[in-house]
């Protein structure tokens, strides 16, 4: 199985359970791994056969700017569903960190969806 990954992708978005969090931008850090057969794009050197990580990052940024959730668990689940559908990704692992949520710790969630091929 080949993997296309995006690590340490930072986005500022509105997220949080507390009332004061609903009106401020907070940083989220994404680490994403997606199954993709890279043999065809490697053979043809054709971007249209590749999983274009720039389009995936644009998609994530747009999604986060246009959806607001209280829980990063909800954001992770919905974003995974949409990435898998929009880019025909059969398997995806996503970790979202929320720096500053807990003093002296890095916290977040990690989910895996789909079938490894």
PDB file of N, CA and C in Angstrom:
ATOM      1  N   UNK A   1       0.850  -1.183   0.000  1.00  0.00           N
ATOM      2  CA  UNK A   1       0.000   0.000   0.000  1.00  0.00           C
ATOM      3  C   UNK A   1       0.886   1.232   0.000  1.00  0.00           C
ATOM      4  N   UNK A   2       0.592   2.146  -0.892  1.00  0.00           N
ATOM      5  CA  UNK A   2       1.294   3.425  -0.952  1.00  0.00           C
ATOM      6  C   UNK A   2       0.541   4.439  -0.100  1.00  0.00           C
ATOM      7  N   UNK A   3       1.274   5.385   0.420  1.00  0.00           N
ATOM      8  CA  UNK A   3       0.696   6.422   1.280  1.00  0.00           C
ATOM      9  C   UNK A   3       1.082   7.794   0.752  1.00  0.00           C
ATOM     10  N   UNK A   4       0.101   8.660   0.653  1.00  0.00           N
ATOM     11  CA  UNK A   4       0.334  10.086   0.429  1.00  0.00           C
ATOM     12  C   UNK A   4       0.045  10.753   1.767  1.00  0.00           C
ATOM     13  N   UNK A   5       0.991  11.557   2.249  1.00  0.00           N
ATOM     14  CA  UNK A   5       0.770  12.152   3.568  1.00  0.00           C
ATOM     15  C   UNK A   5       0.908  13.664   3.550  1.00  0.00           C
ATOM     16  N   UNK A   6       0.232  14.250   4.523  1.00  0.00           N
ATOM     17  CA  UNK A   6       0.304  15.684   4.804  1.00  0.00           C
ATOM     18  C   UNK A   6       0.525  15.778   6.312  1.00  0.00           C
ATOM     19  N   UNK A   7       1.654  16.324   6.716  1.00  0.00           N
ATOM     20  CA  UNK A   7       1.965  16.422   8.143  1.00  0.00           C
ATOM     21  C   UNK A   7       2.146  17.889   8.546  1.00  0.00           C
ATOM     22  N   UNK A   8       1.786  18.170   9.774  1.00  0.00           N
ATOM     23  CA  UNK A   8       1.963  19.494  10.375  1.00  0.00           C
ATOM     24  C   UNK A   8       1.264  20.611   9.596  1.00  0.00           C
ATOM     25  N   UNK A   9       0.093  20.288   9.072  1.00  0.00           N
ATOM     26  CA  UNK A   9      -0.700  21.271   8.336  1.00  0.00           C
ATOM     27  C   UNK A   9      -1.532  22.069   9.347  1.00  0.00           C
ATOM     28  N   UNK A  10      -1.225  23.348   9.468  1.00  0.00           N
ATOM     29  CA  UNK A  10      -1.891  24.207  10.460  1.00  0.00           C
ATOM     30  C   UNK A  10      -3.006  25.015   9.826  1.00  0.00           C
ATOM     31  N   UNK A  11      -4.127  25.039  10.544  1.00  0.00           N
ATOM     32  CA  UNK A  11      -5.290  25.816  10.125  1.00  0.00           C
ATOM     33  C   UNK A  11      -5.823  26.559  11.342  1.00  0.00           C
ATOM     34  N   UNK A  12      -6.246  27.772  11.117  1.00  0.00           N
ATOM     35  CA  UNK A  12      -6.950  28.521  12.161  1.00  0.00           C
ATOM     36  C   UNK A  12      -8.435  28.446  11.834  1.00  0.00           C
ATOM     37  N   UNK A  13      -9.205  28.025  12.840  1.00  0.00           N
ATOM     38  CA  UNK A  13     -10.641  27.857  12.639  1.00  0.00           C
ATOM     39  C   UNK A  13     -11.373  28.051  13.963  1.00  0.00           C
ATOM     40  N   UNK A  14     -12.668  28.157  13.882  1.00  0.00           N
ATOM     41  CA  UNK A  14     -13.490  28.252  15.091  1.00  0.00           C
ATOM     42  C   UNK A  14     -13.893  26.849  15.505  1.00  0.00           C
ATOM     43  N   UNK A  15     -13.530  26.482  16.727  1.00  0.00           N
ATOM     44  CA  UNK A  15     -13.869  25.156  17.243  1.00  0.00           C
ATOM     45  C   UNK A  15     -13.806  25.201  18.756  1.00  0.00           C
ATOM     46  N   UNK A  16     -14.707  24.486  19.402  1.00  0.00           N
ATOM     47  CA  UNK A  16     -14.639  24.409  20.847  1.00  0.00           C
ATOM     48  C   UNK A  16     -16.006  24.306  21.495  1.00  0.00           C
ATOM     49  N   UNK A  17     -15.991  23.750  22.677  1.00  0.00           N
ATOM     50  CA  UNK A  17     -17.204  23.516  23.454  1.00  0.00           C
ATOM     51  C   UNK A  17     -17.633  24.768  24.208  1.00  0.00           C
ATOM     52  N   UNK A  18     -16.664  25.509  24.716  1.00  0.00           N
ATOM     53  CA  UNK A  18     -16.969  26.655  25.566  1.00  0.00           C
ATOM     54  C   UNK A  18     -17.453  27.851  24.743  1.00  0.00           C
ATOM     55  N   UNK A  19     -18.350  28.615  25.327  1.00  0.00           N
ATOM     56  CA  UNK A  19     -18.947  29.762  24.645  1.00  0.00           C
ATOM     57  C   UNK A  19     -17.884  30.715  24.098  1.00  0.00           C
ATOM     58  N   UNK A  20     -16.843  30.975  24.887  1.00  0.00           N
ATOM     59  CA  UNK A  20     -15.803  31.906  24.448  1.00  0.00           C
ATOM     60  C   UNK A  20     -15.039  31.385  23.228  1.00  0.00           C
ATOM     61  N   UNK A  21     -15.066  30.077  22.982  1.00  0.00           N
ATOM     62  CA  UNK A  21     -14.366  29.503  21.833  1.00  0.00           C
ATOM     63  C   UNK A  21     -15.143  29.670  20.525  1.00  0.00           C
ATOM     64  N   UNK A  22     -16.421  29.960  20.622  1.00  0.00           N
ATOM     65  CA  UNK A  22     -17.260  30.040  19.432  1.00  0.00           C
ATOM     66  C   UNK A  22     -16.965  31.257  18.571  1.00  0.00           C
ATOM     67  N   UNK A  23     -16.277  32.254  19.133  1.00  0.00           N
ATOM     68  CA  UNK A  23     -16.040  33.503  18.404  1.00  0.00           C
ATOM     69  C   UNK A  23     -14.571  33.791  18.131  1.00  0.00           C
ATOM     70  N   UNK A  24     -13.684  32.843  18.447  1.00  0.00           N
ATOM     71  CA  UNK A  24     -12.261  33.085  18.206  1.00  0.00           C
ATOM     72  C   UNK A  24     -11.699  32.014  17.266  1.00  0.00           C
ATOM     73  N   UNK A  25     -10.615  32.368  16.608  1.00  0.00           N
ATOM     74  CA  UNK A  25      -9.918  31.396  15.776  1.00  0.00           C
ATOM     75  C   UNK A  25      -8.871  30.678  16.630  1.00  0.00           C
ATOM     76  N   UNK A  26      -8.828  29.365  16.491  1.00  0.00           N
ATOM     77  CA  UNK A  26      -7.840  28.554  17.196  1.00  0.00           C
ATOM     78  C   UNK A  26      -7.071  27.720  16.179  1.00  0.00           C
ATOM     79  N   UNK A  27      -5.843  27.400  16.517  1.00  0.00           N
ATOM     80  CA  UNK A  27      -5.005  26.614  15.629  1.00  0.00           C
ATOM     81  C   UNK A  27      -5.262  25.125  15.821  1.00  0.00           C
ATOM     82  N   UNK A  28      -5.418  24.427  14.710  1.00  0.00           N
ATOM     83  CA  UNK A  28      -5.461  22.974  14.687  1.00  0.00           C
ATOM     84  C   UNK A  28      -4.312  22.511  13.800  1.00  0.00           C
ATOM     85  N   UNK A  29      -3.692  21.398  14.174  1.00  0.00           N
ATOM     86  CA  UNK A  29      -2.597  20.834  13.390  1.00  0.00           C
ATOM     87  C   UNK A  29      -3.002  19.449  12.910  1.00  0.00           C
ATOM     88  N   UNK A  30      -2.960  19.259  11.602  1.00  0.00           N
ATOM     89  CA  UNK A  30      -3.404  18.016  10.970  1.00  0.00           C
ATOM     90  C   UNK A  30      -2.215  17.180  10.517  1.00  0.00           C
ATOM     91  N   UNK A  31      -2.297  15.881  10.776  1.00  0.00           N
ATOM     92  CA  UNK A  31      -1.420  14.882  10.182  1.00  0.00           C
ATOM     93  C   UNK A  31      -2.337  13.874   9.509  1.00  0.00           C
ATOM     94  N   UNK A  32      -2.192  13.736   8.211  1.00  0.00           N
ATOM     95  CA  UNK A  32      -3.095  12.889   7.437  1.00  0.00           C
ATOM     96  C   UNK A  32      -2.277  11.926   6.581  1.00  0.00           C
ATOM     97  N   UNK A  33      -2.703  10.681   6.561  1.00  0.00           N
ATOM     98  CA  UNK A  33      -2.119   9.682   5.675  1.00  0.00           C
ATOM     99  C   UNK A  33      -3.263   9.062   4.877  1.00  0.00           C
ATOM    100  N   UNK A  34      -3.060   8.963   3.554  1.00  0.00           N
ATOM    101  CA  UNK A  34      -4.107   8.460   2.667  1.00  0.00           C
ATOM    102  C   UNK A  34      -3.540   7.377   1.757  1.00  0.00           C
ATOM    103  N   UNK A  35      -4.253   6.261   1.667  1.00  0.00           N
ATOM    104  CA  UNK A  35      -3.844   5.194   0.761  1.00  0.00           C
ATOM    105  C   UNK A  35      -4.074   5.655  -0.672  1.00  0.00           C
ATOM    106  N   UNK A  36      -3.059   5.419  -1.515  1.00  0.00           N
ATOM    107  CA  UNK A  36      -3.184   5.767  -2.916  1.00  0.00           C
ATOM    108  C   UNK A  36      -2.179   4.945  -3.711  1.00  0.00           C
ATOM    109  N   UNK A  37      -2.610   4.362  -4.791  1.00  0.00           N
ATOM    110  CA  UNK A  37      -1.700   3.598  -5.630  1.00  0.00           C
ATOM    111  C   UNK A  37      -0.864   4.572  -6.459  1.00  0.00           C
ATOM    112  N   UNK A  38       0.412   4.682  -6.121  1.00  0.00           N
ATOM    113  CA  UNK A  38       1.285   5.644  -6.781  1.00  0.00           C
ATOM    114  C   UNK A  38       2.001   5.075  -8.007  1.00  0.00           C
ATOM    115  N   UNK A  39       1.730   3.835  -8.370  1.00  0.00           N
ATOM    116  CA  UNK A  39       2.460   3.241  -9.495  1.00  0.00           C
ATOM    117  C   UNK A  39       2.124   3.926 -10.823  1.00  0.00           C
ATOM    118  N   UNK A  40       0.857   4.243 -11.076  1.00  0.00           N
ATOM    119  CA  UNK A  40       0.488   4.898 -12.336  1.00  0.00           C
ATOM    120  C   UNK A  40       1.064   6.312 -12.432  1.00  0.00           C
ATOM    121  N   UNK A  41       0.885   7.159 -11.415  1.00  0.00           N
ATOM    122  CA  UNK A  41       1.487   8.490 -11.545  1.00  0.00           C
ATOM    123  C   UNK A  41       3.017   8.433 -11.649  1.00  0.00           C
ATOM    124  N   UNK A  42       3.628   7.467 -10.978  1.00  0.00           N
ATOM    125  CA  UNK A  42       5.089   7.339 -11.065  1.00  0.00           C
ATOM    126  C   UNK A  42       5.499   6.915 -12.475  1.00  0.00           C
ATOM    127  N   UNK A  43       4.709   6.053 -13.084  1.00  0.00           N
ATOM    128  CA  UNK A  43       5.022   5.549 -14.426  1.00  0.00           C
ATOM    129  C   UNK A  43       4.821   6.637 -15.484  1.00  0.00           C
ATOM    130  N   UNK A  44       3.743   7.420 -15.341  1.00  0.00           N
ATOM    131  CA  UNK A  44       3.383   8.403 -16.368  1.00  0.00           C
ATOM    132  C   UNK A  44       3.888   9.812 -16.073  1.00  0.00           C
ATOM    133  N   UNK A  45       4.294  10.059 -14.820  1.00  0.00           N
ATOM    134  CA  UNK A  45       4.714  11.396 -14.386  1.00  0.00           C
ATOM    135  C   UNK A  45       3.602  12.419 -14.637  1.00  0.00           C
ATOM    136  N   UNK A  46       2.356  11.983 -14.379  1.00  0.00           N
ATOM    137  CA  UNK A  46       1.165  12.778 -14.679  1.00  0.00           C
ATOM    138  C   UNK A  46       0.424  13.110 -13.386  1.00  0.00           C
ATOM    139  N   UNK A  47       0.327  14.389 -13.076  1.00  0.00           N
ATOM    140  CA  UNK A  47      -0.322  14.843 -11.845  1.00  0.00           C
ATOM    141  C   UNK A  47      -1.786  14.425 -11.781  1.00  0.00           C
ATOM    142  N   UNK A  48      -2.439  14.270 -12.928  1.00  0.00           N
ATOM    143  CA  UNK A  48      -3.853  13.906 -12.903  1.00  0.00           C
ATOM    144  C   UNK A  48      -4.076  12.481 -12.411  1.00  0.00           C
ATOM    145  N   UNK A  49      -3.033  11.656 -12.422  1.00  0.00           N
ATOM    146  CA  UNK A  49      -3.139  10.291 -11.895  1.00  0.00           C
ATOM    147  C   UNK A  49      -2.738  10.216 -10.426  1.00  0.00           C
ATOM    148  N   UNK A  50      -2.195  11.304  -9.917  1.00  0.00           N
ATOM    149  CA  UNK A  50      -1.721  11.336  -8.530  1.00  0.00           C
ATOM    150  C   UNK A  50      -2.804  11.877  -7.600  1.00  0.00           C
ATOM    151  N   UNK A  51      -2.654  11.590  -6.320  1.00  0.00           N
ATOM    152  CA  UNK A  51      -3.480  12.237  -5.308  1.00  0.00           C
ATOM    153  C   UNK A  51      -2.816  13.576  -5.024  1.00  0.00           C
ATOM    154  N   UNK A  52      -3.410  14.635  -5.476  1.00  0.00           N
ATOM    155  CA  UNK A  52      -2.823  15.971  -5.415  1.00  0.00           C
ATOM    156  C   UNK A  52      -2.974  16.543  -4.006  1.00  0.00           C
ATOM    157  N   UNK A  53      -1.882  16.499  -3.249  1.00  0.00           N
ATOM    158  CA  UNK A  53      -1.967  16.946  -1.850  1.00  0.00           C
ATOM    159  C   UNK A  53      -2.249  18.432  -1.730  1.00  0.00           C
ATOM    160  N   UNK A  54      -1.924  19.221  -2.769  1.00  0.00           N
ATOM    161  CA  UNK A  54      -2.276  20.646  -2.692  1.00  0.00           C
ATOM    162  C   UNK A  54      -3.796  20.823  -2.759  1.00  0.00           C
ATOM    163  N   UNK A  55      -4.468  19.991  -3.563  1.00  0.00           N
ATOM    164  CA  UNK A  55      -5.931  20.062  -3.627  1.00  0.00           C
ATOM    165  C   UNK A  55      -6.563  19.548  -2.331  1.00  0.00           C
ATOM    166  N   UNK A  56      -5.946  18.553  -1.725  1.00  0.00           N
ATOM    167  CA  UNK A  56      -6.460  18.034  -0.454  1.00  0.00           C
ATOM    168  C   UNK A  56      -6.323  19.101   0.626  1.00  0.00           C
ATOM    169  N   UNK A  57      -5.188  19.791   0.692  1.00  0.00           N
ATOM    170  CA  UNK A  57      -5.024  20.832   1.714  1.00  0.00           C
ATOM    171  C   UNK A  57      -5.974  21.998   1.478  1.00  0.00           C
ATOM    172  N   UNK A  58      -6.191  22.366   0.207  1.00  0.00           N
ATOM    173  CA  UNK A  58      -7.178  23.411  -0.099  1.00  0.00           C
ATOM    174  C   UNK A  58      -8.568  22.989   0.366  1.00  0.00           C
ATOM    175  N   UNK A  59      -8.905  21.727   0.133  1.00  0.00           N
ATOM    176  CA  UNK A  59     -10.198  21.183   0.545  1.00  0.00           C
ATOM    177  C   UNK A  59     -10.353  21.260   2.064  1.00  0.00           C
ATOM    178  N   UNK A  60      -9.330  20.862   2.800  1.00  0.00           N
ATOM    179  CA  UNK A  60      -9.377  20.883   4.271  1.00  0.00           C
ATOM    180  C   UNK A  60      -9.536  22.313   4.775  1.00  0.00           C
ATOM    181  N   UNK A  61      -8.756  23.217   4.214  1.00  0.00           N
ATOM    182  CA  UNK A  61      -8.839  24.621   4.642  1.00  0.00           C
ATOM    183  C   UNK A  61     -10.242  25.179   4.390  1.00  0.00           C
ATOM    184  N   UNK A  62     -10.773  24.944   3.196  1.00  0.00           N
ATOM    185  CA  UNK A  62     -12.118  25.422   2.853  1.00  0.00           C
ATOM    186  C   UNK A  62     -13.163  24.806   3.786  1.00  0.00           C
ATOM    187  N   UNK A  63     -13.063  23.502   4.021  1.00  0.00           N
ATOM    188  CA  UNK A  63     -14.019  22.812   4.883  1.00  0.00           C
ATOM    189  C   UNK A  63     -14.002  23.411   6.292  1.00  0.00           C
ATOM    190  N   UNK A  64     -12.819  23.613   6.843  1.00  0.00           N
ATOM    191  CA  UNK A  64     -12.706  24.146   8.209  1.00  0.00           C
ATOM    192  C   UNK A  64     -13.203  25.589   8.307  1.00  0.00           C
ATOM    193  N   UNK A  65     -13.054  26.342   7.247  1.00  0.00           N
ATOM    194  CA  UNK A  65     -13.532  27.722   7.256  1.00  0.00           C
ATOM    195  C   UNK A  65     -15.053  27.808   7.134  1.00  0.00           C
ATOM    196  N   UNK A  66     -15.677  26.760   6.612  1.00  0.00           N
ATOM    197  CA  UNK A  66     -17.111  26.802   6.335  1.00  0.00           C
ATOM    198  C   UNK A  66     -17.955  25.888   7.212  1.00  0.00           C
ATOM    199  N   UNK A  67     -17.340  25.220   8.172  1.00  0.00           N
ATOM    200  CA  UNK A  67     -18.059  24.366   9.124  1.00  0.00           C
ATOM    201  C   UNK A  67     -17.516  24.629  10.519  1.00  0.00           C
ATOM    202  N   UNK A  68     -18.391  24.705  11.481  1.00  0.00           N
ATOM    203  CA  UNK A  68     -17.971  24.943  12.858  1.00  0.00           C
ATOM    204  C   UNK A  68     -18.551  23.860  13.752  1.00  0.00           C
ATOM    205  N   UNK A  69     -17.674  23.199  14.487  1.00  0.00           N
ATOM    206  CA  UNK A  69     -18.076  22.139  15.409  1.00  0.00           C
ATOM    207  C   UNK A  69     -17.555  22.457  16.800  1.00  0.00           C
ATOM    208  N   UNK A  70     -18.152  21.849  17.776  1.00  0.00           N
ATOM    209  CA  UNK A  70     -17.650  21.977  19.130  1.00  0.00           C
ATOM    210  C   UNK A  70     -16.496  21.016  19.380  1.00  0.00           C
ATOM    211  N   UNK A  71     -16.600  19.803  18.844  1.00  0.00           N
ATOM    212  CA  UNK A  71     -15.604  18.760  19.126  1.00  0.00           C
ATOM    213  C   UNK A  71     -14.699  18.510  17.923  1.00  0.00           C
ATOM    214  N   UNK A  72     -13.403  18.312  18.189  1.00  0.00           N
ATOM    215  CA  UNK A  72     -12.517  17.938  17.090  1.00  0.00           C
ATOM    216  C   UNK A  72     -12.813  16.512  16.633  1.00  0.00           C
ATOM    217  N   UNK A  73     -13.446  15.720  17.495  1.00  0.00           N
ATOM    218  CA  UNK A  73     -13.875  14.375  17.090  1.00  0.00           C
ATOM    219  C   UNK A  73     -14.880  14.454  15.938  1.00  0.00           C
ATOM    220  N   UNK A  74     -15.809  15.393  16.046  1.00  0.00           N
ATOM    221  CA  UNK A  74     -16.813  15.575  14.992  1.00  0.00           C
ATOM    222  C   UNK A  74     -16.158  16.090  13.717  1.00  0.00           C
ATOM    223  N   UNK A  75     -15.281  17.064  13.850  1.00  0.00           N
ATOM    224  CA  UNK A  75     -14.572  17.591  12.689  1.00  0.00           C
ATOM    225  C   UNK A  75     -13.790  16.479  11.997  1.00  0.00           C
ATOM    226  N   UNK A  76     -13.076  15.669  12.754  1.00  0.00           N
ATOM    227  CA  UNK A  76     -12.276  14.586  12.166  1.00  0.00           C
ATOM    228  C   UNK A  76     -13.162  13.610  11.398  1.00  0.00           C
ATOM    229  N   UNK A  77     -14.252  13.209  11.999  1.00  0.00           N
ATOM    230  CA  UNK A  77     -15.154  12.235  11.364  1.00  0.00           C
ATOM    231  C   UNK A  77     -15.732  12.782  10.063  1.00  0.00           C
ATOM    232  N   UNK A  78     -16.255  13.985  10.103  1.00  0.00           N
ATOM    233  CA  UNK A  78     -16.887  14.573   8.921  1.00  0.00           C
ATOM    234  C   UNK A  78     -15.868  14.872   7.823  1.00  0.00           C
ATOM    235  N   UNK A  79     -14.714  15.359   8.226  1.00  0.00           N
ATOM    236  CA  UNK A  79     -13.679  15.665   7.250  1.00  0.00           C
ATOM    237  C   UNK A  79     -13.166  14.399   6.569  1.00  0.00           C
ATOM    238  N   UNK A  80     -12.969  13.329   7.330  1.00  0.00           N
ATOM    239  CA  UNK A  80     -12.556  12.052   6.738  1.00  0.00           C
ATOM    240  C   UNK A  80     -13.579  11.573   5.713  1.00  0.00           C
ATOM    241  N   UNK A  81     -14.837  11.593   6.096  1.00  0.00           N
ATOM    242  CA  UNK A  81     -15.907  11.168   5.170  1.00  0.00           C
ATOM    243  C   UNK A  81     -15.833  11.957   3.867  1.00  0.00           C
ATOM    244  N   UNK A  82     -15.685  13.255   3.969  1.00  0.00           N
ATOM    245  CA  UNK A  82     -15.695  14.115   2.790  1.00  0.00           C
ATOM    246  C   UNK A  82     -14.448  13.969   1.934  1.00  0.00           C
ATOM    247  N   UNK A  83     -13.300  13.799   2.554  1.00  0.00           N
ATOM    248  CA  UNK A  83     -12.071  13.580   1.788  1.00  0.00           C
ATOM    249  C   UNK A  83     -12.147  12.257   1.039  1.00  0.00           C
ATOM    250  N   UNK A  84     -12.604  11.207   1.728  1.00  0.00           N
ATOM    251  CA  UNK A  84     -12.687   9.897   1.091  1.00  0.00           C
ATOM    252  C   UNK A  84     -13.633   9.931  -0.107  1.00  0.00           C
ATOM    253  N   UNK A  85     -14.753  10.614   0.028  1.00  0.00           N
ATOM    254  CA  UNK A  85     -15.712  10.718  -1.078  1.00  0.00           C
ATOM    255  C   UNK A  85     -15.201  11.616  -2.204  1.00  0.00           C
ATOM    256  N   UNK A  86     -14.659  12.748  -1.858  1.00  0.00           N
ATOM    257  CA  UNK A  86     -14.259  13.725  -2.863  1.00  0.00           C
ATOM    258  C   UNK A  86     -13.028  13.309  -3.660  1.00  0.00           C
ATOM    259  N   UNK A  87     -12.140  12.539  -3.030  1.00  0.00           N
ATOM    260  CA  UNK A  87     -10.882  12.183  -3.693  1.00  0.00           C
ATOM    261  C   UNK A  87     -10.751  10.680  -3.965  1.00  0.00           C
ATOM    262  N   UNK A  88     -11.810   9.915  -3.697  1.00  0.00           N
ATOM    263  CA  UNK A  88     -11.806   8.461  -3.920  1.00  0.00           C
ATOM    264  C   UNK A  88     -10.650   7.783  -3.187  1.00  0.00           C
ATOM    265  N   UNK A  89     -10.442   8.190  -1.941  1.00  0.00           N
ATOM    266  CA  UNK A  89      -9.394   7.606  -1.105  1.00  0.00           C
ATOM    267  C   UNK A  89     -10.003   6.416  -0.358  1.00  0.00           C
ATOM    268  N   UNK A  90      -9.425   5.208  -0.485  1.00  0.00           N
ATOM    269  CA  UNK A  90     -10.013   4.031   0.149  1.00  0.00           C
ATOM    270  C   UNK A  90      -9.727   3.903   1.646  1.00  0.00           C
ATOM    271  N   UNK A  91      -8.649   4.540   2.110  1.00  0.00           N
ATOM    272  CA  UNK A  91      -8.256   4.468   3.526  1.00  0.00           C
ATOM    273  C   UNK A  91      -7.599   5.778   3.905  1.00  0.00           C
ATOM    274  N   UNK A  92      -7.881   6.199   5.143  1.00  0.00           N
ATOM    275  CA  UNK A  92      -7.352   7.472   5.603  1.00  0.00           C
ATOM    276  C   UNK A  92      -7.108   7.410   7.107  1.00  0.00           C
ATOM    277  N   UNK A  93      -6.004   7.953   7.535  1.00  0.00           N
ATOM    278  CA  UNK A  93      -5.711   8.137   8.958  1.00  0.00           C
ATOM    279  C   UNK A  93      -5.545   9.634   9.183  1.00  0.00           C
ATOM    280  N   UNK A  94      -6.248  10.161  10.176  1.00  0.00           N
ATOM    281  CA  UNK A  94      -6.188  11.594  10.450  1.00  0.00           C
ATOM    282  C   UNK A  94      -5.960  11.836  11.933  1.00  0.00           C
ATOM    283  N   UNK A  95      -4.985  12.663  12.208  1.00  0.00           N
ATOM    284  CA  UNK A  95      -4.735  13.110  13.581  1.00  0.00           C
ATOM    285  C   UNK A  95      -4.906  14.627  13.596  1.00  0.00           C
ATOM    286  N   UNK A  96      -5.680  15.102  14.555  1.00  0.00           N
ATOM    287  CA  UNK A  96      -5.855  16.545  14.736  1.00  0.00           C
ATOM    288  C   UNK A  96      -5.395  16.892  16.147  1.00  0.00           C
ATOM    289  N   UNK A  97      -4.448  17.820  16.228  1.00  0.00           N
ATOM    290  CA  UNK A  97      -3.964  18.311  17.523  1.00  0.00           C
ATOM    291  C   UNK A  97      -4.536  19.705  17.747  1.00  0.00           C
ATOM    292  N   UNK A  98      -4.837  19.983  19.006  1.00  0.00           N
ATOM    293  CA  UNK A  98      -5.347  21.301  19.378  1.00  0.00           C
ATOM    294  C   UNK A  98      -4.392  21.885  20.422  1.00  0.00           C
ATOM    295  N   UNK A  99      -3.349  22.578  19.950  1.00  0.00           N
ATOM    296  CA  UNK A  99      -2.373  23.150  20.879  1.00  0.00           C
ATOM    297  C   UNK A  99      -3.023  24.178  21.799  1.00  0.00           C
ATOM    298  N   UNK A 100      -2.609  24.183  23.037  1.00  0.00           N
ATOM    299  CA  UNK A 100      -3.127  25.155  23.982  1.00  0.00           C
ATOM    300  C   UNK A 100      -4.413  24.748  24.665  1.00  0.00           C
ATOM    301  N   UNK A 101      -4.997  23.635  24.280  1.00  0.00           N
ATOM    302  CA  UNK A 101      -6.252  23.206  24.914  1.00  0.00           C
ATOM    303  C   UNK A 101      -6.015  22.782  26.358  1.00  0.00           C
ATOM    304  N   UNK A 102      -4.888  22.140  26.606  1.00  0.00           N
ATOM    305  CA  UNK A 102      -4.498  21.715  27.955  1.00  0.00           C
ATOM    306  C   UNK A 102      -3.082  22.223  28.201  1.00  0.00           C
ATOM    307  N   UNK A 103      -2.896  22.888  29.306  1.00  0.00           N
ATOM    308  CA  UNK A 103      -1.583  23.413  29.634  1.00  0.00           C
ATOM    309  C   UNK A 103      -0.574  22.273  29.791  1.00  0.00           C
ATOM    310  N   UNK A 104       0.600  22.457  29.233  1.00  0.00           N
ATOM    311  CA  UNK A 104       1.715  21.507  29.341  1.00  0.00           C
ATOM    312  C   UNK A 104       1.448  20.167  28.673  1.00  0.00           C
ATOM    313  N   UNK A 105       0.575  20.141  27.665  1.00  0.00           N
ATOM    314  CA  UNK A 105       0.302  18.884  26.967  1.00  0.00           C
ATOM    315  C   UNK A 105      -0.106  19.167  25.525  1.00  0.00           C
ATOM    316  N   UNK A 106       0.102  18.180  24.689  1.00  0.00           N
ATOM    317  CA  UNK A 106      -0.428  18.205  23.326  1.00  0.00           C
ATOM    318  C   UNK A 106      -1.580  17.212  23.305  1.00  0.00           C
ATOM    319  N   UNK A 107      -2.763  17.687  22.938  1.00  0.00           N
ATOM    320  CA  UNK A 107      -3.942  16.826  22.938  1.00  0.00           C
ATOM    321  C   UNK A 107      -4.593  16.834  21.570  1.00  0.00           C
ATOM    322  N   UNK A 108      -5.396  15.819  21.324  1.00  0.00           N
ATOM    323  CA  UNK A 108      -6.107  15.748  20.067  1.00  0.00           C
ATOM    324  C   UNK A 108      -6.753  14.396  19.886  1.00  0.00           C
ATOM    325  N   UNK A 109      -7.082  14.096  18.646  1.00  0.00           N
ATOM    326  CA  UNK A 109      -7.699  12.814  18.312  1.00  0.00           C
ATOM    327  C   UNK A 109      -7.006  12.239  17.081  1.00  0.00           C
ATOM    328  N   UNK A 110      -7.085  10.931  16.957  1.00  0.00           N
ATOM    329  CA  UNK A 110      -6.598  10.246  15.772  1.00  0.00           C
ATOM    330  C   UNK A 110      -7.623   9.195  15.395  1.00  0.00           C
ATOM    331  N   UNK A 111      -8.061   9.219  14.120  1.00  0.00           N
ATOM    332  CA  UNK A 111      -9.018   8.226  13.651  1.00  0.00           C
ATOM    333  C   UNK A 111      -8.502   7.604  12.355  1.00  0.00           C
ATOM    334  N   UNK A 112      -8.986   6.438  12.085  1.00  0.00           N
ATOM    335  CA  UNK A 112      -8.648   5.716  10.858  1.00  0.00           C
ATOM    336  C   UNK A 112      -9.942   5.204  10.259  1.00  0.00           C
ATOM    337  N   UNK A 113     -10.128   5.452   8.972  1.00  0.00           N
ATOM    338  CA  UNK A 113     -11.364   5.045   8.312  1.00  0.00           C
ATOM    339  C   UNK A 113     -11.042   4.377   6.981  1.00  0.00           C
ATOM    340  N   UNK A 114     -11.915   3.467   6.576  1.00  0.00           N
ATOM    341  CA  UNK A 114     -11.770   2.794   5.299  1.00  0.00           C
ATOM    342  C   UNK A 114     -10.986   1.498   5.417  1.00  0.00           C
ATOM    343  N   UNK A 115     -10.625   0.964   4.262  1.00  0.00           N
ATOM    344  CA  UNK A 115      -9.911  -0.313   4.194  1.00  0.00           C
ATOM    345  C   UNK A 115      -8.540  -0.083   3.570  1.00  0.00           C
ATOM    346  N   UNK A 116      -7.504  -0.571   4.246  1.00  0.00           N
ATOM    347  CA  UNK A 116      -6.171  -0.524   3.657  1.00  0.00           C
ATOM    348  C   UNK A 116      -6.164  -1.486   2.473  1.00  0.00           C
ATOM    349  N   UNK A 117      -5.575  -1.035   1.394  1.00  0.00           N
ATOM    350  CA  UNK A 117      -5.563  -1.834   0.175  1.00  0.00           C
ATOM    351  C   UNK A 117      -4.214  -2.503  -0.019  1.00  0.00           C
TER     352      UNK A 117
END
